[in-house]
Amino acid sequence: MNRTLIALAATAALFGASAAQAEDKLTLQLKWVTQGQFAGYYVAKDKGFYKEAGLDVTIKPGGPDIAPPQIIAGGGADVIIEWMPAALAAREKGVALVNIAQPFKRSGMMLTCRKETGIASPADLKGKTLGVWFYGNEYPFMAWMSKLGLKTDGSPEGVKVIKQGFNVDPLLQKQAACISTMTYNEYWQVIDAGLKADDLVTFKYADMGVATMEDGLYTTEAKLADPKMVEKLAKFVKASMKGWAWAAANPEAAAKIVLDNDATGAQTEKHQVRMVGEINKLTAGSTGALDPADYDLTVKTLLTAGGETPVISKEPKGAWTHAVTDAAGIK
């Protein structure tokens, strides 16, 4: 190799190193394990959308023993994915979380019931045993029961509530007439277990007017005080929404990307393709900017839900901002 080629190679290597150093590092903590629920972020990383934005993004999977608010409070992430009830509860307890973007426009939570139990409308829930997720996931249900005038103490004029694990066993084993499901996950686990859609009746919380916002992007007030972090987060949100748009246009390919990033190998292609398709219905129509009306409905639901322990005791202040989406040019 002559001196000119050596010099060019050295310059290219130096330029490449400088470009790599110029990429801002950012860590995203997921709410749950690697699955189609988070396809937009995996797509944005796989397709180079983050890299194009000058970002080096690390995506950390979640799980049953991982609480995203605790992770970011401990410095383990720059931004987290969380459901709004849990985020607002954490904020009230001292973790100053702020919603910076809302890729999910609609809630995927619903109650799935066996038709054979005689349930055809909400009025038929009276006297039935219902499986409900707790740890902050029960509040839309409690608000709905309050609207229906049904007590949740097991009395004849109300409903009996059992704490449901993150599975569909109570419905399959006929321990409950209805259980909590997500449109993109547990409902299909019921179907895959052998029940047909005609055997089931579903009630979507969004249709009941008590849905709370899911899968928002949150950071802390302290991080938002740094203009450079706001700029970095704006690039992240814009690239992530590009990832979600790609996933909507290419659901099967997006599911494959998710599977390629699943270190556990526990997911199946059939389930992930289906999940991405259902998730796309929840992100449809979202620009990434939080709609204040959706936030207000969530807060109203939480303040009127009751339950064993109210998730929030008063209306939050400063719990969301458009600063990041505005910086990203998203309206």
C-alpha atoms as a PDB file:
ATOM      1  CA  MET A   1       0.000   0.000   0.000  1.00  0.00           C
ATOM      2  CA  ASN A   2       1.492   3.383  -0.982  1.00  0.00           C
ATOM      3  CA  ARG A   3       1.673   6.393   1.273  1.00  0.00           C
ATOM      4  CA  THR A   4      -1.386   8.040  -0.280  1.00  0.00           C
ATOM      5  CA  LEU A   5      -3.569   4.991   0.306  1.00  0.00           C
ATOM      6  CA  ILE A   6      -2.232   4.653   3.838  1.00  0.00           C
ATOM      7  CA  ALA A   7      -3.053   8.285   4.527  1.00  0.00           C
ATOM      8  CA  LEU A   8      -6.564   7.876   3.101  1.00  0.00           C
ATOM      9  CA  ALA A   9      -7.148   4.743   5.165  1.00  0.00           C
ATOM     10  CA  ALA A  10      -5.972   6.501   8.315  1.00  0.00           C
ATOM     11  CA  THR A  11      -8.219   9.477   7.588  1.00  0.00           C
ATOM     12  CA  ALA A  12     -11.198   7.192   6.989  1.00  0.00           C
ATOM     13  CA  ALA A  13     -10.518   5.310  10.201  1.00  0.00           C
ATOM     14  CA  LEU A  14     -10.207   8.570  12.119  1.00  0.00           C
ATOM     15  CA  PHE A  15     -13.413   9.898  10.579  1.00  0.00           C
ATOM     16  CA  GLY A  16     -15.222   6.670  11.406  1.00  0.00           C
ATOM     17  CA  ALA A  17     -14.033   6.822  15.009  1.00  0.00           C
ATOM     18  CA  SER A  18     -15.094  10.466  15.297  1.00  0.00           C
ATOM     19  CA  ALA A  19     -18.531   9.662  13.847  1.00  0.00           C
ATOM     20  CA  ALA A  20     -18.974   6.822  16.333  1.00  0.00           C
ATOM     21  CA  GLN A  21     -17.953   9.102  19.195  1.00  0.00           C
ATOM     22  CA  ALA A  22     -20.404  11.728  17.961  1.00  0.00           C
ATOM     23  CA  GLU A  23     -23.348   9.377  18.503  1.00  0.00           C
ATOM     24  CA  ASP A  24     -25.124  10.263  21.732  1.00  0.00           C
ATOM     25  CA  LYS A  25     -25.755   7.270  23.952  1.00  0.00           C
ATOM     26  CA  LEU A  26     -29.255   6.756  25.291  1.00  0.00           C
ATOM     27  CA  THR A  27     -30.791   3.857  27.226  1.00  0.00           C
ATOM     28  CA  LEU A  28     -34.444   2.833  26.911  1.00  0.00           C
ATOM     29  CA  GLN A  29     -36.013   0.585  29.555  1.00  0.00           C
ATOM     30  CA  LEU A  30     -38.989  -1.443  28.301  1.00  0.00           C
ATOM     31  CA  LYS A  31     -42.004  -2.188  30.478  1.00  0.00           C
ATOM     32  CA  TRP A  32     -42.047  -5.887  29.613  1.00  0.00           C
ATOM     33  CA  VAL A  33     -40.078  -8.587  27.806  1.00  0.00           C
ATOM     34  CA  THR A  34     -39.005  -8.293  24.173  1.00  0.00           C
ATOM     35  CA  GLN A  35     -42.177  -8.648  22.085  1.00  0.00           C
ATOM     36  CA  GLY A  36     -44.235  -6.964  19.389  1.00  0.00           C
ATOM     37  CA  GLN A  37     -45.540  -4.464  21.943  1.00  0.00           C
ATOM     38  CA  PHE A  38     -42.219  -2.648  21.463  1.00  0.00           C
ATOM     39  CA  ALA A  39     -41.734  -3.250  17.749  1.00  0.00           C
ATOM     40  CA  GLY A  40     -41.294   0.414  16.836  1.00  0.00           C
ATOM     41  CA  TYR A  41     -38.184   0.762  18.991  1.00  0.00           C
ATOM     42  CA  TYR A  42     -36.533  -2.419  17.754  1.00  0.00           C
ATOM     43  CA  VAL A  43     -37.304  -1.413  14.175  1.00  0.00           C
ATOM     44  CA  ALA A  44     -35.823   2.057  14.706  1.00  0.00           C
ATOM     45  CA  LYS A  45     -32.614   0.473  15.987  1.00  0.00           C
ATOM     46  CA  ASP A  46     -32.449  -2.301  13.370  1.00  0.00           C
ATOM     47  CA  LYS A  47     -33.184  -0.017  10.418  1.00  0.00           C
ATOM     48  CA  GLY A  48     -30.648   2.585  11.530  1.00  0.00           C
ATOM     49  CA  PHE A  49     -33.175   5.320  12.310  1.00  0.00           C
ATOM     50  CA  TYR A  50     -31.519   6.023  15.660  1.00  0.00           C
ATOM     51  CA  LYS A  51     -28.078   5.981  14.067  1.00  0.00           C
ATOM     52  CA  GLU A  52     -29.239   8.423  11.389  1.00  0.00           C
ATOM     53  CA  ALA A  53     -30.363  10.715  14.198  1.00  0.00           C
ATOM     54  CA  GLY A  54     -26.927  10.535  15.784  1.00  0.00           C
ATOM     55  CA  LEU A  55     -28.006   8.218  18.588  1.00  0.00           C
ATOM     56  CA  ASP A  56     -26.567   5.023  20.003  1.00  0.00           C
ATOM     57  CA  VAL A  57     -29.624   3.500  21.704  1.00  0.00           C
ATOM     58  CA  THR A  58     -29.505   0.580  24.108  1.00  0.00           C
ATOM     59  CA  ILE A  59     -32.841  -1.209  24.580  1.00  0.00           C
ATOM     60  CA  LYS A  60     -33.195  -3.035  27.895  1.00  0.00           C
ATOM     61  CA  PRO A  61     -35.992  -5.653  28.125  1.00  0.00           C
ATOM     62  CA  GLY A  62     -38.255  -5.659  31.150  1.00  0.00           C
ATOM     63  CA  GLY A  63     -39.972  -8.455  33.017  1.00  0.00           C
ATOM     64  CA  PRO A  64     -42.120  -9.313  36.041  1.00  0.00           C
ATOM     65  CA  ASP A  65     -39.397  -8.284  38.498  1.00  0.00           C
ATOM     66  CA  ILE A  66     -38.410  -5.055  36.728  1.00  0.00           C
ATOM     67  CA  ALA A  67     -40.118  -1.759  37.596  1.00  0.00           C
ATOM     68  CA  PRO A  68     -39.155   0.905  35.018  1.00  0.00           C
ATOM     69  CA  PRO A  69     -39.679   3.837  37.451  1.00  0.00           C
ATOM     70  CA  GLN A  70     -37.185   2.275  39.841  1.00  0.00           C
ATOM     71  CA  ILE A  71     -34.720   1.691  37.007  1.00  0.00           C
ATOM     72  CA  ILE A  72     -34.710   5.318  35.876  1.00  0.00           C
ATOM     73  CA  ALA A  73     -34.668   6.582  39.465  1.00  0.00           C
ATOM     74  CA  GLY A  74     -31.546   4.493  40.025  1.00  0.00           C
ATOM     75  CA  GLY A  75     -29.827   5.864  36.927  1.00  0.00           C
ATOM     76  CA  GLY A  76     -30.249   2.709  34.851  1.00  0.00           C
ATOM     77  CA  ALA A  77     -32.099   4.383  31.974  1.00  0.00           C
ATOM     78  CA  ASP A  78     -32.622   7.757  30.303  1.00  0.00           C
ATOM     79  CA  VAL A  79     -36.182   7.057  29.210  1.00  0.00           C
ATOM     80  CA  ILE A  80     -38.700   4.352  30.117  1.00  0.00           C
ATOM     81  CA  ILE A  81     -41.910   2.890  28.754  1.00  0.00           C
ATOM     82  CA  GLU A  82     -44.637   2.849  31.369  1.00  0.00           C
ATOM     83  CA  TRP A  83     -48.406   2.890  31.721  1.00  0.00           C
ATOM     84  CA  MET A  84     -49.682   6.231  32.940  1.00  0.00           C
ATOM     85  CA  PRO A  85     -51.284   4.978  36.197  1.00  0.00           C
ATOM     86  CA  ALA A  86     -47.971   3.476  37.333  1.00  0.00           C
ATOM     87  CA  ALA A  87     -46.077   6.587  36.223  1.00  0.00           C
ATOM     88  CA  LEU A  88     -48.414   8.939  38.077  1.00  0.00           C
ATOM     89  CA  ALA A  89     -48.290   6.728  41.165  1.00  0.00           C
ATOM     90  CA  ALA A  90     -44.483   6.797  41.075  1.00  0.00           C
ATOM     91  CA  ARG A  91     -44.542  10.565  40.670  1.00  0.00           C
ATOM     92  CA  GLU A  92     -46.744  10.983  43.724  1.00  0.00           C
ATOM     93  CA  LYS A  93     -44.325   8.794  45.681  1.00  0.00           C
ATOM     94  CA  GLY A  94     -41.351  10.956  44.808  1.00  0.00           C
ATOM     95  CA  VAL A  95     -40.016   9.747  41.427  1.00  0.00           C
ATOM     96  CA  ALA A  96     -40.564  12.868  39.326  1.00  0.00           C
ATOM     97  CA  LEU A  97     -41.555  11.143  36.080  1.00  0.00           C
ATOM     98  CA  VAL A  98     -42.790  13.222  33.149  1.00  0.00           C
ATOM     99  CA  ASN A  99     -44.575  11.953  30.046  1.00  0.00           C
ATOM    100  CA  ILE A 100     -42.615  13.244  27.039  1.00  0.00           C
ATOM    101  CA  ALA A 101     -44.435  11.331  24.267  1.00  0.00           C
ATOM    102  CA  GLN A 102     -47.382   8.992  23.794  1.00  0.00           C
ATOM    103  CA  PRO A 103     -46.952   6.565  20.853  1.00  0.00           C
ATOM    104  CA  PHE A 104     -49.978   4.520  21.996  1.00  0.00           C
ATOM    105  CA  LYS A 105     -53.183   6.398  21.183  1.00  0.00           C
ATOM    106  CA  ARG A 106     -55.580   3.754  22.496  1.00  0.00           C
ATOM    107  CA  SER A 107     -55.764   1.265  25.346  1.00  0.00           C
ATOM    108  CA  GLY A 108     -55.540  -2.452  24.597  1.00  0.00           C
ATOM    109  CA  MET A 109     -56.954  -3.610  27.921  1.00  0.00           C
ATOM    110  CA  MET A 110     -60.229  -5.489  28.037  1.00  0.00           C
ATOM    111  CA  LEU A 111     -62.271  -8.017  29.993  1.00  0.00           C
ATOM    112  CA  THR A 112     -62.706 -11.340  28.201  1.00  0.00           C
ATOM    113  CA  CYS A 113     -65.614 -13.553  29.295  1.00  0.00           C
ATOM    114  CA  ARG A 114     -66.954 -17.009  28.545  1.00  0.00           C
ATOM    115  CA  LYS A 115     -70.269 -16.617  26.715  1.00  0.00           C
ATOM    116  CA  GLU A 116     -71.573 -19.775  28.386  1.00  0.00           C
ATOM    117  CA  THR A 117     -71.695 -17.928  31.725  1.00  0.00           C
ATOM    118  CA  GLY A 118     -74.628 -15.882  30.410  1.00  0.00           C
ATOM    119  CA  ILE A 119     -72.690 -12.643  30.044  1.00  0.00           C
ATOM    120  CA  ALA A 120     -73.754 -10.616  27.026  1.00  0.00           C
ATOM    121  CA  SER A 121     -73.689  -7.058  28.369  1.00  0.00           C
ATOM    122  CA  PRO A 122     -72.070  -5.216  31.293  1.00  0.00           C
ATOM    123  CA  ALA A 123     -75.260  -5.625  33.327  1.00  0.00           C
ATOM    124  CA  ASP A 124     -74.715  -9.404  33.256  1.00  0.00           C
ATOM    125  CA  LEU A 125     -71.479  -9.094  35.240  1.00  0.00           C
ATOM    126  CA  LYS A 126     -73.427  -8.812  38.494  1.00  0.00           C
ATOM    127  CA  GLY A 127     -72.877 -11.841  40.703  1.00  0.00           C
ATOM    128  CA  LYS A 128     -69.987 -13.140  38.603  1.00  0.00           C
ATOM    129  CA  THR A 129     -66.377 -13.906  39.543  1.00  0.00           C
ATOM    130  CA  LEU A 130     -63.928 -11.768  37.610  1.00  0.00           C
ATOM    131  CA  GLY A 131     -60.152 -12.052  37.272  1.00  0.00           C
ATOM    132  CA  VAL A 132     -58.424  -8.687  37.587  1.00  0.00           C
ATOM    133  CA  TRP A 133     -54.787  -7.629  37.321  1.00  0.00           C
ATOM    134  CA  PHE A 134     -53.666  -5.561  40.309  1.00  0.00           C
ATOM    135  CA  TYR A 135     -50.503  -3.549  41.080  1.00  0.00           C
ATOM    136  CA  GLY A 136     -51.979  -0.478  39.387  1.00  0.00           C
ATOM    137  CA  ASN A 137     -53.722  -2.310  36.552  1.00  0.00           C
ATOM    138  CA  GLU A 138     -57.006  -2.615  38.449  1.00  0.00           C
ATOM    139  CA  TYR A 139     -58.016   1.040  38.318  1.00  0.00           C
ATOM    140  CA  PRO A 140     -59.823   1.105  34.951  1.00  0.00           C
ATOM    141  CA  PHE A 141     -61.771  -1.933  36.149  1.00  0.00           C
ATOM    142  CA  MET A 142     -62.637  -0.309  39.489  1.00  0.00           C
ATOM    143  CA  ALA A 143     -63.747   2.881  37.738  1.00  0.00           C
ATOM    144  CA  TRP A 144     -65.940   0.847  35.383  1.00  0.00           C
ATOM    145  CA  MET A 145     -67.565  -1.053  38.254  1.00  0.00           C
ATOM    146  CA  SER A 146     -68.229   2.279  39.958  1.00  0.00           C
ATOM    147  CA  LYS A 147     -69.966   3.566  36.813  1.00  0.00           C
ATOM    148  CA  LEU A 148     -72.059   0.389  36.687  1.00  0.00           C
ATOM    149  CA  GLY A 149     -72.955   0.688  40.376  1.00  0.00           C
ATOM    150  CA  LEU A 150     -71.446  -2.726  41.132  1.00  0.00           C
ATOM    151  CA  LYS A 151     -69.574  -3.315  44.376  1.00  0.00           C
ATOM    152  CA  THR A 152     -66.391  -5.364  44.218  1.00  0.00           C
ATOM    153  CA  ASP A 153     -66.746  -6.985  47.646  1.00  0.00           C
ATOM    154  CA  GLY A 154     -68.286 -10.251  46.470  1.00  0.00           C
ATOM    155  CA  SER A 155     -71.791  -9.328  47.598  1.00  0.00           C
ATOM    156  CA  PRO A 156     -74.784 -10.650  45.616  1.00  0.00           C
ATOM    157  CA  GLU A 157     -75.428  -7.209  44.121  1.00  0.00           C
ATOM    158  CA  GLY A 158     -71.828  -6.811  43.058  1.00  0.00           C
ATOM    159  CA  VAL A 159     -68.991  -8.914  41.681  1.00  0.00           C
ATOM    160  CA  LYS A 160     -66.381 -11.168  43.221  1.00  0.00           C
ATOM    161  CA  VAL A 161     -62.847 -10.196  42.283  1.00  0.00           C
ATOM    162  CA  ILE A 162     -59.898 -12.563  42.239  1.00  0.00           C
ATOM    163  CA  LYS A 163     -56.349 -11.343  41.785  1.00  0.00           C
ATOM    164  CA  GLN A 164     -55.240 -12.657  38.430  1.00  0.00           C
ATOM    165  CA  GLY A 165     -51.657 -13.527  37.616  1.00  0.00           C
ATOM    166  CA  PHE A 166     -50.175 -12.709  34.234  1.00  0.00           C
ATOM    167  CA  ASN A 167     -51.801 -15.733  32.625  1.00  0.00           C
ATOM    168  CA  VAL A 168     -55.236 -16.849  31.411  1.00  0.00           C
ATOM    169  CA  ASP A 169     -55.642 -19.888  33.660  1.00  0.00           C
ATOM    170  CA  PRO A 170     -58.699 -18.617  35.620  1.00  0.00           C
ATOM    171  CA  LEU A 171     -60.759 -18.509  32.422  1.00  0.00           C
ATOM    172  CA  LEU A 172     -59.479 -21.782  31.009  1.00  0.00           C
ATOM    173  CA  GLN A 173     -60.046 -23.585  34.313  1.00  0.00           C
ATOM    174  CA  LYS A 174     -63.434 -21.885  34.796  1.00  0.00           C
ATOM    175  CA  GLN A 175     -62.368 -20.271  38.048  1.00  0.00           C
ATOM    176  CA  ALA A 176     -63.677 -16.959  36.741  1.00  0.00           C
ATOM    177  CA  ALA A 177     -66.347 -15.942  34.247  1.00  0.00           C
ATOM    178  CA  CYS A 178     -64.108 -13.188  32.900  1.00  0.00           C
ATOM    179  CA  ILE A 179     -60.435 -12.251  33.054  1.00  0.00           C
ATOM    180  CA  SER A 180     -58.216  -9.305  32.222  1.00  0.00           C
ATOM    181  CA  THR A 181     -56.614  -9.513  28.778  1.00  0.00           C
ATOM    182  CA  MET A 182     -54.811  -7.302  26.294  1.00  0.00           C
ATOM    183  CA  THR A 183     -56.063  -7.155  22.714  1.00  0.00           C
ATOM    184  CA  TYR A 184     -52.585  -8.037  21.499  1.00  0.00           C
ATOM    185  CA  ASN A 185     -51.559 -10.767  23.938  1.00  0.00           C
ATOM    186  CA  GLU A 186     -53.657 -12.680  26.489  1.00  0.00           C
ATOM    187  CA  TYR A 187     -56.810 -12.702  24.364  1.00  0.00           C
ATOM    188  CA  TRP A 188     -54.902 -14.676  21.740  1.00  0.00           C
ATOM    189  CA  GLN A 189     -53.509 -16.982  24.395  1.00  0.00           C
ATOM    190  CA  VAL A 190     -57.128 -17.898  25.174  1.00  0.00           C
ATOM    191  CA  ILE A 191     -57.775 -18.532  21.482  1.00  0.00           C
ATOM    192  CA  ASP A 192     -54.597 -20.593  21.123  1.00  0.00           C
ATOM    193  CA  ALA A 193     -55.687 -22.642  24.147  1.00  0.00           C
ATOM    194  CA  GLY A 194     -58.693 -23.892  22.181  1.00  0.00           C
ATOM    195  CA  LEU A 195     -61.557 -21.473  22.776  1.00  0.00           C
ATOM    196  CA  LYS A 196     -63.104 -19.822  19.721  1.00  0.00           C
ATOM    197  CA  ALA A 197     -63.974 -16.167  19.308  1.00  0.00           C
ATOM    198  CA  ASP A 198     -67.650 -17.171  19.235  1.00  0.00           C
ATOM    199  CA  ASP A 199     -67.212 -18.681  22.701  1.00  0.00           C
ATOM    200  CA  LEU A 200     -66.179 -15.312  24.103  1.00  0.00           C
ATOM    201  CA  VAL A 201     -67.570 -11.879  24.882  1.00  0.00           C
ATOM    202  CA  THR A 202     -65.155  -8.975  25.238  1.00  0.00           C
ATOM    203  CA  PHE A 203     -65.502  -5.536  26.793  1.00  0.00           C
ATOM    204  CA  LYS A 204     -62.826  -3.006  25.876  1.00  0.00           C
ATOM    205  CA  TYR A 205     -62.183  -0.430  28.572  1.00  0.00           C
ATOM    206  CA  ALA A 206     -61.780   2.218  25.875  1.00  0.00           C
ATOM    207  CA  ASP A 207     -65.393   1.573  24.845  1.00  0.00           C
ATOM    208  CA  MET A 208     -66.514   1.852  28.477  1.00  0.00           C
ATOM    209  CA  GLY A 209     -65.021   5.335  28.829  1.00  0.00           C
ATOM    210  CA  VAL A 210     -62.610   4.352  31.597  1.00  0.00           C
ATOM    211  CA  ALA A 211     -59.435   3.528  29.684  1.00  0.00           C
ATOM    212  CA  THR A 212     -56.116   4.812  30.979  1.00  0.00           C
ATOM    213  CA  MET A 213     -53.126   5.600  28.793  1.00  0.00           C
ATOM    214  CA  GLU A 214     -50.628   2.815  28.186  1.00  0.00           C
ATOM    215  CA  ASP A 215     -47.043   2.604  26.871  1.00  0.00           C
ATOM    216  CA  GLY A 216     -45.998   6.229  27.110  1.00  0.00           C
ATOM    217  CA  LEU A 217     -42.404   7.468  27.093  1.00  0.00           C
ATOM    218  CA  TYR A 218     -41.235   8.974  30.386  1.00  0.00           C
ATOM    219  CA  THR A 219     -38.119  10.625  31.711  1.00  0.00           C
ATOM    220  CA  THR A 220     -37.423  12.634  34.857  1.00  0.00           C
ATOM    221  CA  GLU A 221     -37.710  16.329  35.631  1.00  0.00           C
ATOM    222  CA  ALA A 222     -33.991  16.396  36.347  1.00  0.00           C
ATOM    223  CA  LYS A 223     -33.135  15.130  32.863  1.00  0.00           C
ATOM    224  CA  LEU A 224     -35.523  17.600  31.241  1.00  0.00           C
ATOM    225  CA  ALA A 225     -33.668  20.440  32.963  1.00  0.00           C
ATOM    226  CA  ASP A 226     -30.715  19.724  30.647  1.00  0.00           C
ATOM    227  CA  PRO A 227     -31.264  21.281  27.173  1.00  0.00           C
ATOM    228  CA  LYS A 228     -28.860  18.765  25.615  1.00  0.00           C
ATOM    229  CA  MET A 229     -30.908  15.884  26.998  1.00  0.00           C
ATOM    230  CA  VAL A 230     -34.106  17.452  25.649  1.00  0.00           C
ATOM    231  CA  GLU A 231     -32.460  17.636  22.225  1.00  0.00           C
ATOM    232  CA  LYS A 232     -31.332  14.006  22.501  1.00  0.00           C
ATOM    233  CA  LEU A 233     -34.793  12.850  23.589  1.00  0.00           C
ATOM    234  CA  ALA A 234     -36.385  14.793  20.721  1.00  0.00           C
ATOM    235  CA  LYS A 235     -34.212  12.894  18.242  1.00  0.00           C
ATOM    236  CA  PHE A 236     -35.102   9.647  19.982  1.00  0.00           C
ATOM    237  CA  VAL A 237     -38.854  10.255  19.865  1.00  0.00           C
ATOM    238  CA  LYS A 238     -38.776  11.318  16.205  1.00  0.00           C
ATOM    239  CA  ALA A 239     -36.761   8.248  15.196  1.00  0.00           C
ATOM    240  CA  SER A 240     -38.991   5.989  17.305  1.00  0.00           C
ATOM    241  CA  MET A 241     -42.133   7.254  15.599  1.00  0.00           C
ATOM    242  CA  LYS A 242     -40.414   6.564  12.283  1.00  0.00           C
ATOM    243  CA  GLY A 243     -39.904   3.031  13.562  1.00  0.00           C
ATOM    244  CA  TRP A 244     -43.577   2.721  14.458  1.00  0.00           C
ATOM    245  CA  ALA A 245     -44.595   3.955  10.997  1.00  0.00           C
ATOM    246  CA  TRP A 246     -42.337   1.329   9.426  1.00  0.00           C
ATOM    247  CA  ALA A 247     -43.804  -1.371  11.659  1.00  0.00           C
ATOM    248  CA  ALA A 248     -47.327  -0.359  10.615  1.00  0.00           C
ATOM    249  CA  ALA A 249     -46.387  -0.676   6.944  1.00  0.00           C
ATOM    250  CA  ASN A 250     -44.390  -3.903   7.408  1.00  0.00           C
ATOM    251  CA  PRO A 251     -45.899  -5.868  10.319  1.00  0.00           C
ATOM    252  CA  GLU A 252     -44.462  -9.257   9.397  1.00  0.00           C
ATOM    253  CA  ALA A 253     -40.963  -7.880   8.874  1.00  0.00           C
ATOM    254  CA  ALA A 254     -41.257  -5.910  12.114  1.00  0.00           C
ATOM    255  CA  ALA A 255     -42.211  -9.077  13.977  1.00  0.00           C
ATOM    256  CA  LYS A 256     -39.129 -10.789  12.533  1.00  0.00           C
ATOM    257  CA  ILE A 257     -36.959  -7.964  13.858  1.00  0.00           C
ATOM    258  CA  VAL A 258     -38.509  -8.411  17.291  1.00  0.00           C
ATOM    259  CA  LEU A 259     -37.803 -12.141  17.191  1.00  0.00           C
ATOM    260  CA  ASP A 260     -34.194 -11.489  16.162  1.00  0.00           C
ATOM    261  CA  ASN A 261     -33.803  -9.411  19.333  1.00  0.00           C
ATOM    262  CA  ASP A 262     -35.463 -11.918  21.676  1.00  0.00           C
ATOM    263  CA  ALA A 263     -32.568 -13.489  23.537  1.00  0.00           C
ATOM    264  CA  THR A 264     -34.885 -15.927  25.332  1.00  0.00           C
ATOM    265  CA  GLY A 265     -36.227 -17.556  22.173  1.00  0.00           C
ATOM    266  CA  ALA A 266     -39.556 -17.889  23.961  1.00  0.00           C
ATOM    267  CA  GLN A 267     -41.654 -16.064  21.370  1.00  0.00           C
ATOM    268  CA  THR A 268     -43.246 -17.632  18.296  1.00  0.00           C
ATOM    269  CA  GLU A 269     -43.454 -15.984  14.893  1.00  0.00           C
ATOM    270  CA  LYS A 270     -47.212 -16.565  14.681  1.00  0.00           C
ATOM    271  CA  HIS A 271     -47.869 -14.813  17.976  1.00  0.00           C
ATOM    272  CA  GLN A 272     -45.494 -11.911  17.276  1.00  0.00           C
ATOM    273  CA  VAL A 273     -46.885 -11.206  13.798  1.00  0.00           C
ATOM    274  CA  ARG A 274     -50.357 -11.159  15.289  1.00  0.00           C
ATOM    275  CA  MET A 275     -49.205  -8.955  18.174  1.00  0.00           C
ATOM    276  CA  VAL A 276     -47.582  -6.371  15.914  1.00  0.00           C
ATOM    277  CA  GLY A 277     -50.791  -6.229  13.876  1.00  0.00           C
ATOM    278  CA  GLU A 278     -52.864  -5.567  16.990  1.00  0.00           C
ATOM    279  CA  ILE A 279     -50.365  -3.074  18.400  1.00  0.00           C
ATOM    280  CA  ASN A 280     -50.500  -1.121  15.137  1.00  0.00           C
ATOM    281  CA  LYS A 281     -54.208  -0.543  15.834  1.00  0.00           C
ATOM    282  CA  LEU A 282     -53.289   1.093  19.154  1.00  0.00           C
ATOM    283  CA  THR A 283     -50.619   3.381  17.708  1.00  0.00           C
ATOM    284  CA  ALA A 284     -52.684   4.359  14.641  1.00  0.00           C
ATOM    285  CA  GLY A 285     -53.403   8.085  14.577  1.00  0.00           C
ATOM    286  CA  SER A 286     -50.711   8.984  17.099  1.00  0.00           C
ATOM    287  CA  THR A 287     -48.107  11.551  16.113  1.00  0.00           C
ATOM    288  CA  GLY A 288     -46.221  10.801  19.300  1.00  0.00           C
ATOM    289  CA  ALA A 289     -47.450  13.930  21.100  1.00  0.00           C
ATOM    290  CA  LEU A 290     -49.691  13.337  24.111  1.00  0.00           C
ATOM    291  CA  ASP A 291     -53.278  14.506  23.679  1.00  0.00           C
ATOM    292  CA  PRO A 292     -54.153  16.453  26.854  1.00  0.00           C
ATOM    293  CA  ALA A 293     -57.719  15.112  26.665  1.00  0.00           C
ATOM    294  CA  ASP A 294     -56.385  11.543  26.932  1.00  0.00           C
ATOM    295  CA  TYR A 295     -54.298  12.568  29.932  1.00  0.00           C
ATOM    296  CA  ASP A 296     -57.311  14.215  31.584  1.00  0.00           C
ATOM    297  CA  LEU A 297     -59.435  11.068  31.112  1.00  0.00           C
ATOM    298  CA  THR A 298     -56.730   8.942  32.716  1.00  0.00           C
ATOM    299  CA  VAL A 299     -56.473  11.251  35.721  1.00  0.00           C
ATOM    300  CA  LYS A 300     -60.260  11.368  36.090  1.00  0.00           C
ATOM    301  CA  THR A 301     -60.428   7.575  35.968  1.00  0.00           C
ATOM    302  CA  LEU A 302     -57.726   7.204  38.615  1.00  0.00           C
ATOM    303  CA  LEU A 303     -59.296   9.759  40.945  1.00  0.00           C
ATOM    304  CA  THR A 304     -62.724   8.094  40.772  1.00  0.00           C
ATOM    305  CA  ALA A 305     -61.657   4.452  40.682  1.00  0.00           C
ATOM    306  CA  GLY A 306     -61.559   3.726  44.396  1.00  0.00           C
ATOM    307  CA  GLY A 307     -60.103   0.291  45.023  1.00  0.00           C
ATOM    308  CA  GLU A 308     -58.026  -0.902  47.950  1.00  0.00           C
ATOM    309  CA  THR A 309     -55.608   2.017  47.773  1.00  0.00           C
ATOM    310  CA  PRO A 310     -56.126   5.014  45.453  1.00  0.00           C
ATOM    311  CA  VAL A 311     -53.320   5.162  42.896  1.00  0.00           C
ATOM    312  CA  ILE A 312     -53.175   8.958  43.210  1.00  0.00           C
ATOM    313  CA  SER A 313     -54.705  11.162  45.890  1.00  0.00           C
ATOM    314  CA  LYS A 314     -54.832  14.417  43.936  1.00  0.00           C
ATOM    315  CA  GLU A 315     -54.533  15.777  40.422  1.00  0.00           C
ATOM    316  CA  PRO A 316     -50.847  15.748  39.395  1.00  0.00           C
ATOM    317  CA  LYS A 317     -48.980  18.886  38.368  1.00  0.00           C
ATOM    318  CA  GLY A 318     -46.215  18.896  35.761  1.00  0.00           C
ATOM    319  CA  ALA A 319     -46.689  15.217  34.902  1.00  0.00           C
ATOM    320  CA  TRP A 320     -46.458  15.734  31.133  1.00  0.00           C
ATOM    321  CA  THR A 321     -44.815  18.083  28.663  1.00  0.00           C
ATOM    322  CA  HIS A 322     -44.775  18.826  24.949  1.00  0.00           C
ATOM    323  CA  ALA A 323     -41.242  20.236  25.183  1.00  0.00           C
ATOM    324  CA  VAL A 324     -39.672  17.131  23.649  1.00  0.00           C
ATOM    325  CA  THR A 325     -42.197  16.574  20.865  1.00  0.00           C
ATOM    326  CA  ASP A 326     -42.135  20.308  20.077  1.00  0.00           C
ATOM    327  CA  ALA A 327     -38.346  20.102  19.762  1.00  0.00           C
ATOM    328  CA  ALA A 328     -38.830  17.129  17.437  1.00  0.00           C
ATOM    329  CA  GLY A 329     -41.255  19.112  15.268  1.00  0.00           C
ATOM    330  CA  ILE A 330     -44.107  16.791  16.252  1.00  0.00           C
ATOM    331  CA  LYS A 331     -47.584  18.188  16.860  1.00  0.00           C
END
